[in-house]
Amino acid sequence: IGALVGFWLPPHGRRPARDRPRPV
């Protein structure tokens, strides 16, 4: 379900770098 809706987070609780918003 998480993978389908895009809310799955890895076990450490952080999104992979490619999915994180780019900092200004």
PDBML (XML) file of the C-alpha atoms, coordinates in Angstrom:
<?xml version="1.0" encoding="UTF-8" ?>
<PDBx:datablock datablockName="MODEL"
   xmlns:PDBx="http://pdbml.pdb.org/schema/pdbx-v50.xsd"
   xmlns:xsi="http://www.w3.org/2001/XMLSchema-instance"
   xsi:schemaLocation="http://pdbml.pdb.org/schema/pdbx-v50.xsd pdbx-v50.xsd">
   <PDBx:atom_siteCategory>
      <PDBx:atom_site id="1">
         <PDBx:B_iso_or_equiv>0.00</PDBx:B_iso_or_equiv>
         <PDBx:Cartn_x>0.000</PDBx:Cartn_x>
         <PDBx:Cartn_y>0.000</PDBx:Cartn_y>
         <PDBx:Cartn_z>0.000</PDBx:Cartn_z>
         <PDBx:auth_asym_id>A</PDBx:auth_asym_id>
         <PDBx:auth_atom_id>CA</PDBx:auth_atom_id>
         <PDBx:auth_comp_id>ILE</PDBx:auth_comp_id>
         <PDBx:auth_seq_id>1</PDBx:auth_seq_id>
         <PDBx:group_PDB>ATOM</PDBx:group_PDB>
         <PDBx:label_alt_id xsi:nil="true" />
         <PDBx:label_asym_id>A</PDBx:label_asym_id>
         <PDBx:label_atom_id>CA</PDBx:label_atom_id>
         <PDBx:label_comp_id>ILE</PDBx:label_comp_id>
         <PDBx:label_entity_id>1</PDBx:label_entity_id>
         <PDBx:label_seq_id>1</PDBx:label_seq_id>
         <PDBx:occupancy>1.00</PDBx:occupancy>
         <PDBx:pdbx_PDB_model_num>1</PDBx:pdbx_PDB_model_num>
         <PDBx:type_symbol>C</PDBx:type_symbol>
      </PDBx:atom_site>
      <PDBx:atom_site id="2">
         <PDBx:B_iso_or_equiv>0.00</PDBx:B_iso_or_equiv>
         <PDBx:Cartn_x>2.822</PDBx:Cartn_x>
         <PDBx:Cartn_y>2.409</PDBx:Cartn_y>
         <PDBx:Cartn_z>0.885</PDBx:Cartn_z>
         <PDBx:auth_asym_id>A</PDBx:auth_asym_id>
         <PDBx:auth_atom_id>CA</PDBx:auth_atom_id>
         <PDBx:auth_comp_id>GLY</PDBx:auth_comp_id>
         <PDBx:auth_seq_id>2</PDBx:auth_seq_id>
         <PDBx:group_PDB>ATOM</PDBx:group_PDB>
         <PDBx:label_alt_id xsi:nil="true" />
         <PDBx:label_asym_id>A</PDBx:label_asym_id>
         <PDBx:label_atom_id>CA</PDBx:label_atom_id>
         <PDBx:label_comp_id>GLY</PDBx:label_comp_id>
         <PDBx:label_entity_id>1</PDBx:label_entity_id>
         <PDBx:label_seq_id>2</PDBx:label_seq_id>
         <PDBx:occupancy>1.00</PDBx:occupancy>
         <PDBx:pdbx_PDB_model_num>1</PDBx:pdbx_PDB_model_num>
         <PDBx:type_symbol>C</PDBx:type_symbol>
      </PDBx:atom_site>
      <PDBx:atom_site id="3">
         <PDBx:B_iso_or_equiv>0.00</PDBx:B_iso_or_equiv>
         <PDBx:Cartn_x>4.631</PDBx:Cartn_x>
         <PDBx:Cartn_y>1.710</PDBx:Cartn_y>
         <PDBx:Cartn_z>-2.363</PDBx:Cartn_z>
         <PDBx:auth_asym_id>A</PDBx:auth_asym_id>
         <PDBx:auth_atom_id>CA</PDBx:auth_atom_id>
         <PDBx:auth_comp_id>ALA</PDBx:auth_comp_id>
         <PDBx:auth_seq_id>3</PDBx:auth_seq_id>
         <PDBx:group_PDB>ATOM</PDBx:group_PDB>
         <PDBx:label_alt_id xsi:nil="true" />
         <PDBx:label_asym_id>A</PDBx:label_asym_id>
         <PDBx:label_atom_id>CA</PDBx:label_atom_id>
         <PDBx:label_comp_id>ALA</PDBx:label_comp_id>
         <PDBx:label_entity_id>1</PDBx:label_entity_id>
         <PDBx:label_seq_id>3</PDBx:label_seq_id>
         <PDBx:occupancy>1.00</PDBx:occupancy>
         <PDBx:pdbx_PDB_model_num>1</PDBx:pdbx_PDB_model_num>
         <PDBx:type_symbol>C</PDBx:type_symbol>
      </PDBx:atom_site>
      <PDBx:atom_site id="4">
         <PDBx:B_iso_or_equiv>0.00</PDBx:B_iso_or_equiv>
         <PDBx:Cartn_x>1.462</PDBx:Cartn_x>
         <PDBx:Cartn_y>2.253</PDBx:Cartn_y>
         <PDBx:Cartn_z>-4.356</PDBx:Cartn_z>
         <PDBx:auth_asym_id>A</PDBx:auth_asym_id>
         <PDBx:auth_atom_id>CA</PDBx:auth_atom_id>
         <PDBx:auth_comp_id>LEU</PDBx:auth_comp_id>
         <PDBx:auth_seq_id>4</PDBx:auth_seq_id>
         <PDBx:group_PDB>ATOM</PDBx:group_PDB>
         <PDBx:label_alt_id xsi:nil="true" />
         <PDBx:label_asym_id>A</PDBx:label_asym_id>
         <PDBx:label_atom_id>CA</PDBx:label_atom_id>
         <PDBx:label_comp_id>LEU</PDBx:label_comp_id>
         <PDBx:label_entity_id>1</PDBx:label_entity_id>
         <PDBx:label_seq_id>4</PDBx:label_seq_id>
         <PDBx:occupancy>1.00</PDBx:occupancy>
         <PDBx:pdbx_PDB_model_num>1</PDBx:pdbx_PDB_model_num>
         <PDBx:type_symbol>C</PDBx:type_symbol>
      </PDBx:atom_site>
      <PDBx:atom_site id="5">
         <PDBx:B_iso_or_equiv>0.00</PDBx:B_iso_or_equiv>
         <PDBx:Cartn_x>0.775</PDBx:Cartn_x>
         <PDBx:Cartn_y>5.675</PDBx:Cartn_y>
         <PDBx:Cartn_z>-2.857</PDBx:Cartn_z>
         <PDBx:auth_asym_id>A</PDBx:auth_asym_id>
         <PDBx:auth_atom_id>CA</PDBx:auth_atom_id>
         <PDBx:auth_comp_id>VAL</PDBx:auth_comp_id>
         <PDBx:auth_seq_id>5</PDBx:auth_seq_id>
         <PDBx:group_PDB>ATOM</PDBx:group_PDB>
         <PDBx:label_alt_id xsi:nil="true" />
         <PDBx:label_asym_id>A</PDBx:label_asym_id>
         <PDBx:label_atom_id>CA</PDBx:label_atom_id>
         <PDBx:label_comp_id>VAL</PDBx:label_comp_id>
         <PDBx:label_entity_id>1</PDBx:label_entity_id>
         <PDBx:label_seq_id>5</PDBx:label_seq_id>
         <PDBx:occupancy>1.00</PDBx:occupancy>
         <PDBx:pdbx_PDB_model_num>1</PDBx:pdbx_PDB_model_num>
         <PDBx:type_symbol>C</PDBx:type_symbol>
      </PDBx:atom_site>
      <PDBx:atom_site id="6">
         <PDBx:B_iso_or_equiv>0.00</PDBx:B_iso_or_equiv>
         <PDBx:Cartn_x>4.426</PDBx:Cartn_x>
         <PDBx:Cartn_y>6.713</PDBx:Cartn_y>
         <PDBx:Cartn_z>-2.640</PDBx:Cartn_z>
         <PDBx:auth_asym_id>A</PDBx:auth_asym_id>
         <PDBx:auth_atom_id>CA</PDBx:auth_atom_id>
         <PDBx:auth_comp_id>GLY</PDBx:auth_comp_id>
         <PDBx:auth_seq_id>6</PDBx:auth_seq_id>
         <PDBx:group_PDB>ATOM</PDBx:group_PDB>
         <PDBx:label_alt_id xsi:nil="true" />
         <PDBx:label_asym_id>A</PDBx:label_asym_id>
         <PDBx:label_atom_id>CA</PDBx:label_atom_id>
         <PDBx:label_comp_id>GLY</PDBx:label_comp_id>
         <PDBx:label_entity_id>1</PDBx:label_entity_id>
         <PDBx:label_seq_id>6</PDBx:label_seq_id>
         <PDBx:occupancy>1.00</PDBx:occupancy>
         <PDBx:pdbx_PDB_model_num>1</PDBx:pdbx_PDB_model_num>
         <PDBx:type_symbol>C</PDBx:type_symbol>
      </PDBx:atom_site>
      <PDBx:atom_site id="7">
         <PDBx:B_iso_or_equiv>0.00</PDBx:B_iso_or_equiv>
         <PDBx:Cartn_x>4.659</PDBx:Cartn_x>
         <PDBx:Cartn_y>7.103</PDBx:Cartn_y>
         <PDBx:Cartn_z>1.130</PDBx:Cartn_z>
         <PDBx:auth_asym_id>A</PDBx:auth_asym_id>
         <PDBx:auth_atom_id>CA</PDBx:auth_atom_id>
         <PDBx:auth_comp_id>PHE</PDBx:auth_comp_id>
         <PDBx:auth_seq_id>7</PDBx:auth_seq_id>
         <PDBx:group_PDB>ATOM</PDBx:group_PDB>
         <PDBx:label_alt_id xsi:nil="true" />
         <PDBx:label_asym_id>A</PDBx:label_asym_id>
         <PDBx:label_atom_id>CA</PDBx:label_atom_id>
         <PDBx:label_comp_id>PHE</PDBx:label_comp_id>
         <PDBx:label_entity_id>1</PDBx:label_entity_id>
         <PDBx:label_seq_id>7</PDBx:label_seq_id>
         <PDBx:occupancy>1.00</PDBx:occupancy>
         <PDBx:pdbx_PDB_model_num>1</PDBx:pdbx_PDB_model_num>
         <PDBx:type_symbol>C</PDBx:type_symbol>
      </PDBx:atom_site>
      <PDBx:atom_site id="8">
         <PDBx:B_iso_or_equiv>0.00</PDBx:B_iso_or_equiv>
         <PDBx:Cartn_x>7.042</PDBx:Cartn_x>
         <PDBx:Cartn_y>4.271</PDBx:Cartn_y>
         <PDBx:Cartn_z>1.871</PDBx:Cartn_z>
         <PDBx:auth_asym_id>A</PDBx:auth_asym_id>
         <PDBx:auth_atom_id>CA</PDBx:auth_atom_id>
         <PDBx:auth_comp_id>TRP</PDBx:auth_comp_id>
         <PDBx:auth_seq_id>8</PDBx:auth_seq_id>
         <PDBx:group_PDB>ATOM</PDBx:group_PDB>
         <PDBx:label_alt_id xsi:nil="true" />
         <PDBx:label_asym_id>A</PDBx:label_asym_id>
         <PDBx:label_atom_id>CA</PDBx:label_atom_id>
         <PDBx:label_comp_id>TRP</PDBx:label_comp_id>
         <PDBx:label_entity_id>1</PDBx:label_entity_id>
         <PDBx:label_seq_id>8</PDBx:label_seq_id>
         <PDBx:occupancy>1.00</PDBx:occupancy>
         <PDBx:pdbx_PDB_model_num>1</PDBx:pdbx_PDB_model_num>
         <PDBx:type_symbol>C</PDBx:type_symbol>
      </PDBx:atom_site>
      <PDBx:atom_site id="9">
         <PDBx:B_iso_or_equiv>0.00</PDBx:B_iso_or_equiv>
         <PDBx:Cartn_x>10.096</PDBx:Cartn_x>
         <PDBx:Cartn_y>5.317</PDBx:Cartn_y>
         <PDBx:Cartn_z>3.805</PDBx:Cartn_z>
         <PDBx:auth_asym_id>A</PDBx:auth_asym_id>
         <PDBx:auth_atom_id>CA</PDBx:auth_atom_id>
         <PDBx:auth_comp_id>LEU</PDBx:auth_comp_id>
         <PDBx:auth_seq_id>9</PDBx:auth_seq_id>
         <PDBx:group_PDB>ATOM</PDBx:group_PDB>
         <PDBx:label_alt_id xsi:nil="true" />
         <PDBx:label_asym_id>A</PDBx:label_asym_id>
         <PDBx:label_atom_id>CA</PDBx:label_atom_id>
         <PDBx:label_comp_id>LEU</PDBx:label_comp_id>
         <PDBx:label_entity_id>1</PDBx:label_entity_id>
         <PDBx:label_seq_id>9</PDBx:label_seq_id>
         <PDBx:occupancy>1.00</PDBx:occupancy>
         <PDBx:pdbx_PDB_model_num>1</PDBx:pdbx_PDB_model_num>
         <PDBx:type_symbol>C</PDBx:type_symbol>
      </PDBx:atom_site>
      <PDBx:atom_site id="10">
         <PDBx:B_iso_or_equiv>0.00</PDBx:B_iso_or_equiv>
         <PDBx:Cartn_x>13.146</PDBx:Cartn_x>
         <PDBx:Cartn_y>3.142</PDBx:Cartn_y>
         <PDBx:Cartn_z>4.291</PDBx:Cartn_z>
         <PDBx:auth_asym_id>A</PDBx:auth_asym_id>
         <PDBx:auth_atom_id>CA</PDBx:auth_atom_id>
         <PDBx:auth_comp_id>PRO</PDBx:auth_comp_id>
         <PDBx:auth_seq_id>10</PDBx:auth_seq_id>
         <PDBx:group_PDB>ATOM</PDBx:group_PDB>
         <PDBx:label_alt_id xsi:nil="true" />
         <PDBx:label_asym_id>A</PDBx:label_asym_id>
         <PDBx:label_atom_id>CA</PDBx:label_atom_id>
         <PDBx:label_comp_id>PRO</PDBx:label_comp_id>
         <PDBx:label_entity_id>1</PDBx:label_entity_id>
         <PDBx:label_seq_id>10</PDBx:label_seq_id>
         <PDBx:occupancy>1.00</PDBx:occupancy>
         <PDBx:pdbx_PDB_model_num>1</PDBx:pdbx_PDB_model_num>
         <PDBx:type_symbol>C</PDBx:type_symbol>
      </PDBx:atom_site>
      <PDBx:atom_site id="11">
         <PDBx:B_iso_or_equiv>0.00</PDBx:B_iso_or_equiv>
         <PDBx:Cartn_x>13.702</PDBx:Cartn_x>
         <PDBx:Cartn_y>1.664</PDBx:Cartn_y>
         <PDBx:Cartn_z>7.761</PDBx:Cartn_z>
         <PDBx:auth_asym_id>A</PDBx:auth_asym_id>
         <PDBx:auth_atom_id>CA</PDBx:auth_atom_id>
         <PDBx:auth_comp_id>PRO</PDBx:auth_comp_id>
         <PDBx:auth_seq_id>11</PDBx:auth_seq_id>
         <PDBx:group_PDB>ATOM</PDBx:group_PDB>
         <PDBx:label_alt_id xsi:nil="true" />
         <PDBx:label_asym_id>A</PDBx:label_asym_id>
         <PDBx:label_atom_id>CA</PDBx:label_atom_id>
         <PDBx:label_comp_id>PRO</PDBx:label_comp_id>
         <PDBx:label_entity_id>1</PDBx:label_entity_id>
         <PDBx:label_seq_id>11</PDBx:label_seq_id>
         <PDBx:occupancy>1.00</PDBx:occupancy>
         <PDBx:pdbx_PDB_model_num>1</PDBx:pdbx_PDB_model_num>
         <PDBx:type_symbol>C</PDBx:type_symbol>
      </PDBx:atom_site>
      <PDBx:atom_site id="12">
         <PDBx:B_iso_or_equiv>0.00</PDBx:B_iso_or_equiv>
         <PDBx:Cartn_x>15.905</PDBx:Cartn_x>
         <PDBx:Cartn_y>4.599</PDBx:Cartn_y>
         <PDBx:Cartn_z>8.814</PDBx:Cartn_z>
         <PDBx:auth_asym_id>A</PDBx:auth_asym_id>
         <PDBx:auth_atom_id>CA</PDBx:auth_atom_id>
         <PDBx:auth_comp_id>HIS</PDBx:auth_comp_id>
         <PDBx:auth_seq_id>12</PDBx:auth_seq_id>
         <PDBx:group_PDB>ATOM</PDBx:group_PDB>
         <PDBx:label_alt_id xsi:nil="true" />
         <PDBx:label_asym_id>A</PDBx:label_asym_id>
         <PDBx:label_atom_id>CA</PDBx:label_atom_id>
         <PDBx:label_comp_id>HIS</PDBx:label_comp_id>
         <PDBx:label_entity_id>1</PDBx:label_entity_id>
         <PDBx:label_seq_id>12</PDBx:label_seq_id>
         <PDBx:occupancy>1.00</PDBx:occupancy>
         <PDBx:pdbx_PDB_model_num>1</PDBx:pdbx_PDB_model_num>
         <PDBx:type_symbol>C</PDBx:type_symbol>
      </PDBx:atom_site>
      <PDBx:atom_site id="13">
         <PDBx:B_iso_or_equiv>0.00</PDBx:B_iso_or_equiv>
         <PDBx:Cartn_x>12.972</PDBx:Cartn_x>
         <PDBx:Cartn_y>7.002</PDBx:Cartn_y>
         <PDBx:Cartn_z>8.238</PDBx:Cartn_z>
         <PDBx:auth_asym_id>A</PDBx:auth_asym_id>
         <PDBx:auth_atom_id>CA</PDBx:auth_atom_id>
         <PDBx:auth_comp_id>GLY</PDBx:auth_comp_id>
         <PDBx:auth_seq_id>13</PDBx:auth_seq_id>
         <PDBx:group_PDB>ATOM</PDBx:group_PDB>
         <PDBx:label_alt_id xsi:nil="true" />
         <PDBx:label_asym_id>A</PDBx:label_asym_id>
         <PDBx:label_atom_id>CA</PDBx:label_atom_id>
         <PDBx:label_comp_id>GLY</PDBx:label_comp_id>
         <PDBx:label_entity_id>1</PDBx:label_entity_id>
         <PDBx:label_seq_id>13</PDBx:label_seq_id>
         <PDBx:occupancy>1.00</PDBx:occupancy>
         <PDBx:pdbx_PDB_model_num>1</PDBx:pdbx_PDB_model_num>
         <PDBx:type_symbol>C</PDBx:type_symbol>
      </PDBx:atom_site>
      <PDBx:atom_site id="14">
         <PDBx:B_iso_or_equiv>0.00</PDBx:B_iso_or_equiv>
         <PDBx:Cartn_x>14.554</PDBx:Cartn_x>
         <PDBx:Cartn_y>9.177</PDBx:Cartn_y>
         <PDBx:Cartn_z>5.520</PDBx:Cartn_z>
         <PDBx:auth_asym_id>A</PDBx:auth_asym_id>
         <PDBx:auth_atom_id>CA</PDBx:auth_atom_id>
         <PDBx:auth_comp_id>ARG</PDBx:auth_comp_id>
         <PDBx:auth_seq_id>14</PDBx:auth_seq_id>
         <PDBx:group_PDB>ATOM</PDBx:group_PDB>
         <PDBx:label_alt_id xsi:nil="true" />
         <PDBx:label_asym_id>A</PDBx:label_asym_id>
         <PDBx:label_atom_id>CA</PDBx:label_atom_id>
         <PDBx:label_comp_id>ARG</PDBx:label_comp_id>
         <PDBx:label_entity_id>1</PDBx:label_entity_id>
         <PDBx:label_seq_id>14</PDBx:label_seq_id>
         <PDBx:occupancy>1.00</PDBx:occupancy>
         <PDBx:pdbx_PDB_model_num>1</PDBx:pdbx_PDB_model_num>
         <PDBx:type_symbol>C</PDBx:type_symbol>
      </PDBx:atom_site>
      <PDBx:atom_site id="15">
         <PDBx:B_iso_or_equiv>0.00</PDBx:B_iso_or_equiv>
         <PDBx:Cartn_x>13.645</PDBx:Cartn_x>
         <PDBx:Cartn_y>9.357</PDBx:Cartn_y>
         <PDBx:Cartn_z>1.873</PDBx:Cartn_z>
         <PDBx:auth_asym_id>A</PDBx:auth_asym_id>
         <PDBx:auth_atom_id>CA</PDBx:auth_atom_id>
         <PDBx:auth_comp_id>ARG</PDBx:auth_comp_id>
         <PDBx:auth_seq_id>15</PDBx:auth_seq_id>
         <PDBx:group_PDB>ATOM</PDBx:group_PDB>
         <PDBx:label_alt_id xsi:nil="true" />
         <PDBx:label_asym_id>A</PDBx:label_asym_id>
         <PDBx:label_atom_id>CA</PDBx:label_atom_id>
         <PDBx:label_comp_id>ARG</PDBx:label_comp_id>
         <PDBx:label_entity_id>1</PDBx:label_entity_id>
         <PDBx:label_seq_id>15</PDBx:label_seq_id>
         <PDBx:occupancy>1.00</PDBx:occupancy>
         <PDBx:pdbx_PDB_model_num>1</PDBx:pdbx_PDB_model_num>
         <PDBx:type_symbol>C</PDBx:type_symbol>
      </PDBx:atom_site>
      <PDBx:atom_site id="16">
         <PDBx:B_iso_or_equiv>0.00</PDBx:B_iso_or_equiv>
         <PDBx:Cartn_x>16.346</PDBx:Cartn_x>
         <PDBx:Cartn_y>8.495</PDBx:Cartn_y>
         <PDBx:Cartn_z>-0.636</PDBx:Cartn_z>
         <PDBx:auth_asym_id>A</PDBx:auth_asym_id>
         <PDBx:auth_atom_id>CA</PDBx:auth_atom_id>
         <PDBx:auth_comp_id>PRO</PDBx:auth_comp_id>
         <PDBx:auth_seq_id>16</PDBx:auth_seq_id>
         <PDBx:group_PDB>ATOM</PDBx:group_PDB>
         <PDBx:label_alt_id xsi:nil="true" />
         <PDBx:label_asym_id>A</PDBx:label_asym_id>
         <PDBx:label_atom_id>CA</PDBx:label_atom_id>
         <PDBx:label_comp_id>PRO</PDBx:label_comp_id>
         <PDBx:label_entity_id>1</PDBx:label_entity_id>
         <PDBx:label_seq_id>16</PDBx:label_seq_id>
         <PDBx:occupancy>1.00</PDBx:occupancy>
         <PDBx:pdbx_PDB_model_num>1</PDBx:pdbx_PDB_model_num>
         <PDBx:type_symbol>C</PDBx:type_symbol>
      </PDBx:atom_site>
      <PDBx:atom_site id="17">
         <PDBx:B_iso_or_equiv>0.00</PDBx:B_iso_or_equiv>
         <PDBx:Cartn_x>18.294</PDBx:Cartn_x>
         <PDBx:Cartn_y>11.567</PDBx:Cartn_y>
         <PDBx:Cartn_z>-1.794</PDBx:Cartn_z>
         <PDBx:auth_asym_id>A</PDBx:auth_asym_id>
         <PDBx:auth_atom_id>CA</PDBx:auth_atom_id>
         <PDBx:auth_comp_id>ALA</PDBx:auth_comp_id>
         <PDBx:auth_seq_id>17</PDBx:auth_seq_id>
         <PDBx:group_PDB>ATOM</PDBx:group_PDB>
         <PDBx:label_alt_id xsi:nil="true" />
         <PDBx:label_asym_id>A</PDBx:label_asym_id>
         <PDBx:label_atom_id>CA</PDBx:label_atom_id>
         <PDBx:label_comp_id>ALA</PDBx:label_comp_id>
         <PDBx:label_entity_id>1</PDBx:label_entity_id>
         <PDBx:label_seq_id>17</PDBx:label_seq_id>
         <PDBx:occupancy>1.00</PDBx:occupancy>
         <PDBx:pdbx_PDB_model_num>1</PDBx:pdbx_PDB_model_num>
         <PDBx:type_symbol>C</PDBx:type_symbol>
      </PDBx:atom_site>
      <PDBx:atom_site id="18">
         <PDBx:B_iso_or_equiv>0.00</PDBx:B_iso_or_equiv>
         <PDBx:Cartn_x>16.701</PDBx:Cartn_x>
         <PDBx:Cartn_y>11.478</PDBx:Cartn_y>
         <PDBx:Cartn_z>-5.252</PDBx:Cartn_z>
         <PDBx:auth_asym_id>A</PDBx:auth_asym_id>
         <PDBx:auth_atom_id>CA</PDBx:auth_atom_id>
         <PDBx:auth_comp_id>ARG</PDBx:auth_comp_id>
         <PDBx:auth_seq_id>18</PDBx:auth_seq_id>
         <PDBx:group_PDB>ATOM</PDBx:group_PDB>
         <PDBx:label_alt_id xsi:nil="true" />
         <PDBx:label_asym_id>A</PDBx:label_asym_id>
         <PDBx:label_atom_id>CA</PDBx:label_atom_id>
         <PDBx:label_comp_id>ARG</PDBx:label_comp_id>
         <PDBx:label_entity_id>1</PDBx:label_entity_id>
         <PDBx:label_seq_id>18</PDBx:label_seq_id>
         <PDBx:occupancy>1.00</PDBx:occupancy>
         <PDBx:pdbx_PDB_model_num>1</PDBx:pdbx_PDB_model_num>
         <PDBx:type_symbol>C</PDBx:type_symbol>
      </PDBx:atom_site>
      <PDBx:atom_site id="19">
         <PDBx:B_iso_or_equiv>0.00</PDBx:B_iso_or_equiv>
         <PDBx:Cartn_x>13.234</PDBx:Cartn_x>
         <PDBx:Cartn_y>11.800</PDBx:Cartn_y>
         <PDBx:Cartn_z>-3.646</PDBx:Cartn_z>
         <PDBx:auth_asym_id>A</PDBx:auth_asym_id>
         <PDBx:auth_atom_id>CA</PDBx:auth_atom_id>
         <PDBx:auth_comp_id>ASP</PDBx:auth_comp_id>
         <PDBx:auth_seq_id>19</PDBx:auth_seq_id>
         <PDBx:group_PDB>ATOM</PDBx:group_PDB>
         <PDBx:label_alt_id xsi:nil="true" />
         <PDBx:label_asym_id>A</PDBx:label_asym_id>
         <PDBx:label_atom_id>CA</PDBx:label_atom_id>
         <PDBx:label_comp_id>ASP</PDBx:label_comp_id>
         <PDBx:label_entity_id>1</PDBx:label_entity_id>
         <PDBx:label_seq_id>19</PDBx:label_seq_id>
         <PDBx:occupancy>1.00</PDBx:occupancy>
         <PDBx:pdbx_PDB_model_num>1</PDBx:pdbx_PDB_model_num>
         <PDBx:type_symbol>C</PDBx:type_symbol>
      </PDBx:atom_site>
      <PDBx:atom_site id="20">
         <PDBx:B_iso_or_equiv>0.00</PDBx:B_iso_or_equiv>
         <PDBx:Cartn_x>14.092</PDBx:Cartn_x>
         <PDBx:Cartn_y>14.592</PDBx:Cartn_y>
         <PDBx:Cartn_z>-1.204</PDBx:Cartn_z>
         <PDBx:auth_asym_id>A</PDBx:auth_asym_id>
         <PDBx:auth_atom_id>CA</PDBx:auth_atom_id>
         <PDBx:auth_comp_id>ARG</PDBx:auth_comp_id>
         <PDBx:auth_seq_id>20</PDBx:auth_seq_id>
         <PDBx:group_PDB>ATOM</PDBx:group_PDB>
         <PDBx:label_alt_id xsi:nil="true" />
         <PDBx:label_asym_id>A</PDBx:label_asym_id>
         <PDBx:label_atom_id>CA</PDBx:label_atom_id>
         <PDBx:label_comp_id>ARG</PDBx:label_comp_id>
         <PDBx:label_entity_id>1</PDBx:label_entity_id>
         <PDBx:label_seq_id>20</PDBx:label_seq_id>
         <PDBx:occupancy>1.00</PDBx:occupancy>
         <PDBx:pdbx_PDB_model_num>1</PDBx:pdbx_PDB_model_num>
         <PDBx:type_symbol>C</PDBx:type_symbol>
      </PDBx:atom_site>
      <PDBx:atom_site id="21">
         <PDBx:B_iso_or_equiv>0.00</PDBx:B_iso_or_equiv>
         <PDBx:Cartn_x>13.420</PDBx:Cartn_x>
         <PDBx:Cartn_y>18.182</PDBx:Cartn_y>
         <PDBx:Cartn_z>-2.192</PDBx:Cartn_z>
         <PDBx:auth_asym_id>A</PDBx:auth_asym_id>
         <PDBx:auth_atom_id>CA</PDBx:auth_atom_id>
         <PDBx:auth_comp_id>PRO</PDBx:auth_comp_id>
         <PDBx:auth_seq_id>21</PDBx:auth_seq_id>
         <PDBx:group_PDB>ATOM</PDBx:group_PDB>
         <PDBx:label_alt_id xsi:nil="true" />
         <PDBx:label_asym_id>A</PDBx:label_asym_id>
         <PDBx:label_atom_id>CA</PDBx:label_atom_id>
         <PDBx:label_comp_id>PRO</PDBx:label_comp_id>
         <PDBx:label_entity_id>1</PDBx:label_entity_id>
         <PDBx:label_seq_id>21</PDBx:label_seq_id>
         <PDBx:occupancy>1.00</PDBx:occupancy>
         <PDBx:pdbx_PDB_model_num>1</PDBx:pdbx_PDB_model_num>
         <PDBx:type_symbol>C</PDBx:type_symbol>
      </PDBx:atom_site>
      <PDBx:atom_site id="22">
         <PDBx:B_iso_or_equiv>0.00</PDBx:B_iso_or_equiv>
         <PDBx:Cartn_x>16.565</PDBx:Cartn_x>
         <PDBx:Cartn_y>19.910</PDBx:Cartn_y>
         <PDBx:Cartn_z>-3.437</PDBx:Cartn_z>
         <PDBx:auth_asym_id>A</PDBx:auth_asym_id>
         <PDBx:auth_atom_id>CA</PDBx:auth_atom_id>
         <PDBx:auth_comp_id>ARG</PDBx:auth_comp_id>
         <PDBx:auth_seq_id>22</PDBx:auth_seq_id>
         <PDBx:group_PDB>ATOM</PDBx:group_PDB>
         <PDBx:label_alt_id xsi:nil="true" />
         <PDBx:label_asym_id>A</PDBx:label_asym_id>
         <PDBx:label_atom_id>CA</PDBx:label_atom_id>
         <PDBx:label_comp_id>ARG</PDBx:label_comp_id>
         <PDBx:label_entity_id>1</PDBx:label_entity_id>
         <PDBx:label_seq_id>22</PDBx:label_seq_id>
         <PDBx:occupancy>1.00</PDBx:occupancy>
         <PDBx:pdbx_PDB_model_num>1</PDBx:pdbx_PDB_model_num>
         <PDBx:type_symbol>C</PDBx:type_symbol>
      </PDBx:atom_site>
      <PDBx:atom_site id="23">
         <PDBx:B_iso_or_equiv>0.00</PDBx:B_iso_or_equiv>
         <PDBx:Cartn_x>17.745</PDBx:Cartn_x>
         <PDBx:Cartn_y>22.521</PDBx:Cartn_y>
         <PDBx:Cartn_z>-0.938</PDBx:Cartn_z>
         <PDBx:auth_asym_id>A</PDBx:auth_asym_id>
         <PDBx:auth_atom_id>CA</PDBx:auth_atom_id>
         <PDBx:auth_comp_id>PRO</PDBx:auth_comp_id>
         <PDBx:auth_seq_id>23</PDBx:auth_seq_id>
         <PDBx:group_PDB>ATOM</PDBx:group_PDB>
         <PDBx:label_alt_id xsi:nil="true" />
         <PDBx:label_asym_id>A</PDBx:label_asym_id>
         <PDBx:label_atom_id>CA</PDBx:label_atom_id>
         <PDBx:label_comp_id>PRO</PDBx:label_comp_id>
         <PDBx:label_entity_id>1</PDBx:label_entity_id>
         <PDBx:label_seq_id>23</PDBx:label_seq_id>
         <PDBx:occupancy>1.00</PDBx:occupancy>
         <PDBx:pdbx_PDB_model_num>1</PDBx:pdbx_PDB_model_num>
         <PDBx:type_symbol>C</PDBx:type_symbol>
      </PDBx:atom_site>
      <PDBx:atom_site id="24">
         <PDBx:B_iso_or_equiv>0.00</PDBx:B_iso_or_equiv>
         <PDBx:Cartn_x>17.903</PDBx:Cartn_x>
         <PDBx:Cartn_y>26.140</PDBx:Cartn_y>
         <PDBx:Cartn_z>-2.034</PDBx:Cartn_z>
         <PDBx:auth_asym_id>A</PDBx:auth_asym_id>
         <PDBx:auth_atom_id>CA</PDBx:auth_atom_id>
         <PDBx:auth_comp_id>VAL</PDBx:auth_comp_id>
         <PDBx:auth_seq_id>24</PDBx:auth_seq_id>
         <PDBx:group_PDB>ATOM</PDBx:group_PDB>
         <PDBx:label_alt_id xsi:nil="true" />
         <PDBx:label_asym_id>A</PDBx:label_asym_id>
         <PDBx:label_atom_id>CA</PDBx:label_atom_id>
         <PDBx:label_comp_id>VAL</PDBx:label_comp_id>
         <PDBx:label_entity_id>1</PDBx:label_entity_id>
         <PDBx:label_seq_id>24</PDBx:label_seq_id>
         <PDBx:occupancy>1.00</PDBx:occupancy>
         <PDBx:pdbx_PDB_model_num>1</PDBx:pdbx_PDB_model_num>
         <PDBx:type_symbol>C</PDBx:type_symbol>
      </PDBx:atom_site>
   </PDBx:atom_siteCategory>
</PDBx:datablock>
